[in-house]
């Protein structure tokens, strides 16, 4: 029953990357407002990377759950066939 702990950890990492993405995009907007285009570009890129990392963690968790459900369904089918 360690799956809920992993899901919780994954949700934490997911949320951390989402918050980091928002902060970095805000910082990029600030740098752009101040006229520092290089810093704005760099922070926007890091914000986008953080966002896509959060999406990656979500997809990874979904795939893991689907694989587990398929395994459970296969075991149930085997039991019904026996």
C-alpha atoms as a PDB file:
ATOM      1  CA  UNK A   1       0.000   0.000   0.000  1.00  0.00           C
ATOM      2  CA  UNK A   2       2.834   2.427  -0.763  1.00  0.00           C
ATOM      3  CA  UNK A   3       1.037   3.758  -3.853  1.00  0.00           C
ATOM      4  CA  UNK A   4      -0.786   6.574  -2.008  1.00  0.00           C
ATOM      5  CA  UNK A   5       2.537   7.749  -0.564  1.00  0.00           C
ATOM      6  CA  UNK A   6       4.052   7.854  -4.045  1.00  0.00           C
ATOM      7  CA  UNK A   7       1.018   9.627  -5.393  1.00  0.00           C
ATOM      8  CA  UNK A   8       1.305  12.189  -2.618  1.00  0.00           C
ATOM      9  CA  UNK A   9       5.012  12.674  -3.335  1.00  0.00           C
ATOM     10  CA  UNK A  10       4.297  13.017  -7.038  1.00  0.00           C
ATOM     11  CA  UNK A  11       1.554  15.525  -6.322  1.00  0.00           C
ATOM     12  CA  UNK A  12       3.993  17.516  -4.200  1.00  0.00           C
ATOM     13  CA  UNK A  13       6.600  17.581  -6.955  1.00  0.00           C
ATOM     14  CA  UNK A  14       3.916  18.449  -9.464  1.00  0.00           C
ATOM     15  CA  UNK A  15       2.683  21.335  -7.317  1.00  0.00           C
ATOM     16  CA  UNK A  16       6.226  22.578  -6.642  1.00  0.00           C
ATOM     17  CA  UNK A  17       6.982  22.786 -10.355  1.00  0.00           C
ATOM     18  CA  UNK A  18       3.671  24.541 -11.029  1.00  0.00           C
ATOM     19  CA  UNK A  19       4.376  27.157  -8.357  1.00  0.00           C
ATOM     20  CA  UNK A  20       7.936  27.588  -9.609  1.00  0.00           C
ATOM     21  CA  UNK A  21       6.641  28.076 -13.162  1.00  0.00           C
ATOM     22  CA  UNK A  22       4.261  30.829 -12.051  1.00  0.00           C
ATOM     23  CA  UNK A  23       6.980  32.581 -10.067  1.00  0.00           C
ATOM     24  CA  UNK A  24       9.443  32.417 -12.946  1.00  0.00           C
ATOM     25  CA  UNK A  25       6.931  33.687 -15.498  1.00  0.00           C
ATOM     26  CA  UNK A  26       6.142  36.553 -13.120  1.00  0.00           C
ATOM     27  CA  UNK A  27       9.842  37.320 -12.829  1.00  0.00           C
ATOM     28  CA  UNK A  28      10.136  37.217 -16.634  1.00  0.00           C
ATOM     29  CA  UNK A  29       7.311  39.752 -16.912  1.00  0.00           C
ATOM     30  CA  UNK A  30       9.092  41.965 -14.385  1.00  0.00           C
ATOM     31  CA  UNK A  31      12.378  41.779 -16.288  1.00  0.00           C
ATOM     32  CA  UNK A  32      10.588  42.537 -19.531  1.00  0.00           C
ATOM     33  CA  UNK A  33       8.888  45.527 -17.902  1.00  0.00           C
ATOM     34  CA  UNK A  34      12.282  46.768 -16.685  1.00  0.00           C
ATOM     35  CA  UNK A  35      13.686  46.444 -20.208  1.00  0.00           C
ATOM     36  CA  UNK A  36      16.036  43.541 -19.564  1.00  0.00           C
ATOM     37  CA  UNK A  37      15.071  41.255 -22.451  1.00  0.00           C
ATOM     38  CA  UNK A  38      17.881  38.738 -21.899  1.00  0.00           C
ATOM     39  CA  UNK A  39      16.911  38.060 -18.300  1.00  0.00           C
ATOM     40  CA  UNK A  40      13.231  37.965 -19.293  1.00  0.00           C
ATOM     41  CA  UNK A  41      13.949  35.349 -21.940  1.00  0.00           C
ATOM     42  CA  UNK A  42      16.034  33.190 -19.608  1.00  0.00           C
ATOM     43  CA  UNK A  43      13.488  33.231 -16.788  1.00  0.00           C
ATOM     44  CA  UNK A  44      10.624  32.586 -19.231  1.00  0.00           C
ATOM     45  CA  UNK A  45      12.482  29.541 -20.554  1.00  0.00           C
ATOM     46  CA  UNK A  46      13.032  28.219 -17.039  1.00  0.00           C
ATOM     47  CA  UNK A  47       9.352  28.876 -16.264  1.00  0.00           C
ATOM     48  CA  UNK A  48       8.305  26.899 -19.334  1.00  0.00           C
ATOM     49  CA  UNK A  49      10.627  24.046 -18.378  1.00  0.00           C
ATOM     50  CA  UNK A  50       9.138  23.976 -14.872  1.00  0.00           C
ATOM     51  CA  UNK A  51       5.637  23.864 -16.321  1.00  0.00           C
ATOM     52  CA  UNK A  52       6.473  20.963 -18.618  1.00  0.00           C
ATOM     53  CA  UNK A  53       8.165  19.092 -15.775  1.00  0.00           C
ATOM     54  CA  UNK A  54       4.950  19.376 -13.770  1.00  0.00           C
ATOM     55  CA  UNK A  55       3.027  17.977 -16.754  1.00  0.00           C
ATOM     56  CA  UNK A  56       5.577  15.151 -17.022  1.00  0.00           C
ATOM     57  CA  UNK A  57       4.988  14.133 -13.401  1.00  0.00           C
ATOM     58  CA  UNK A  58       1.221  14.134 -13.966  1.00  0.00           C
ATOM     59  CA  UNK A  59       1.499  11.959 -17.077  1.00  0.00           C
ATOM     60  CA  UNK A  60       3.935   9.584 -15.397  1.00  0.00           C
ATOM     61  CA  UNK A  61       1.533   9.054 -12.500  1.00  0.00           C
ATOM     62  CA  UNK A  62      -1.407   8.456 -14.847  1.00  0.00           C
ATOM     63  CA  UNK A  63       0.550   5.894 -16.840  1.00  0.00           C
ATOM     64  CA  UNK A  64       1.568   4.121 -13.656  1.00  0.00           C
ATOM     65  CA  UNK A  65      -2.041   3.945 -12.476  1.00  0.00           C
ATOM     66  CA  UNK A  66      -3.247   2.682 -15.858  1.00  0.00           C
ATOM     67  CA  UNK A  67      -0.618  -0.058 -15.868  1.00  0.00           C
ATOM     68  CA  UNK A  68      -1.673  -1.088 -12.375  1.00  0.00           C
ATOM     69  CA  UNK A  69      -5.339  -1.152 -13.400  1.00  0.00           C
ATOM     70  CA  UNK A  70      -4.520  -3.277 -16.455  1.00  0.00           C
ATOM     71  CA  UNK A  71      -2.608  -5.695 -14.233  1.00  0.00           C
ATOM     72  CA  UNK A  72      -5.511  -5.926 -11.801  1.00  0.00           C
ATOM     73  CA  UNK A  73      -7.975  -6.473 -14.657  1.00  0.00           C
ATOM     74  CA  UNK A  74      -5.773  -9.220 -16.120  1.00  0.00           C
ATOM     75  CA  UNK A  75      -5.608 -10.964 -12.740  1.00  0.00           C
ATOM     76  CA  UNK A  76      -9.389 -10.784 -12.387  1.00  0.00           C
ATOM     77  CA  UNK A  77      -9.831 -12.229 -15.876  1.00  0.00           C
ATOM     78  CA  UNK A  78      -7.474 -15.090 -15.062  1.00  0.00           C
ATOM     79  CA  UNK A  79      -9.408 -15.856 -11.867  1.00  0.00           C
ATOM     80  CA  UNK A  80     -12.708 -15.839 -13.734  1.00  0.00           C
ATOM     81  CA  UNK A  81     -11.345 -18.166 -16.416  1.00  0.00           C
ATOM     82  CA  UNK A  82     -10.115 -20.680 -13.804  1.00  0.00           C
END
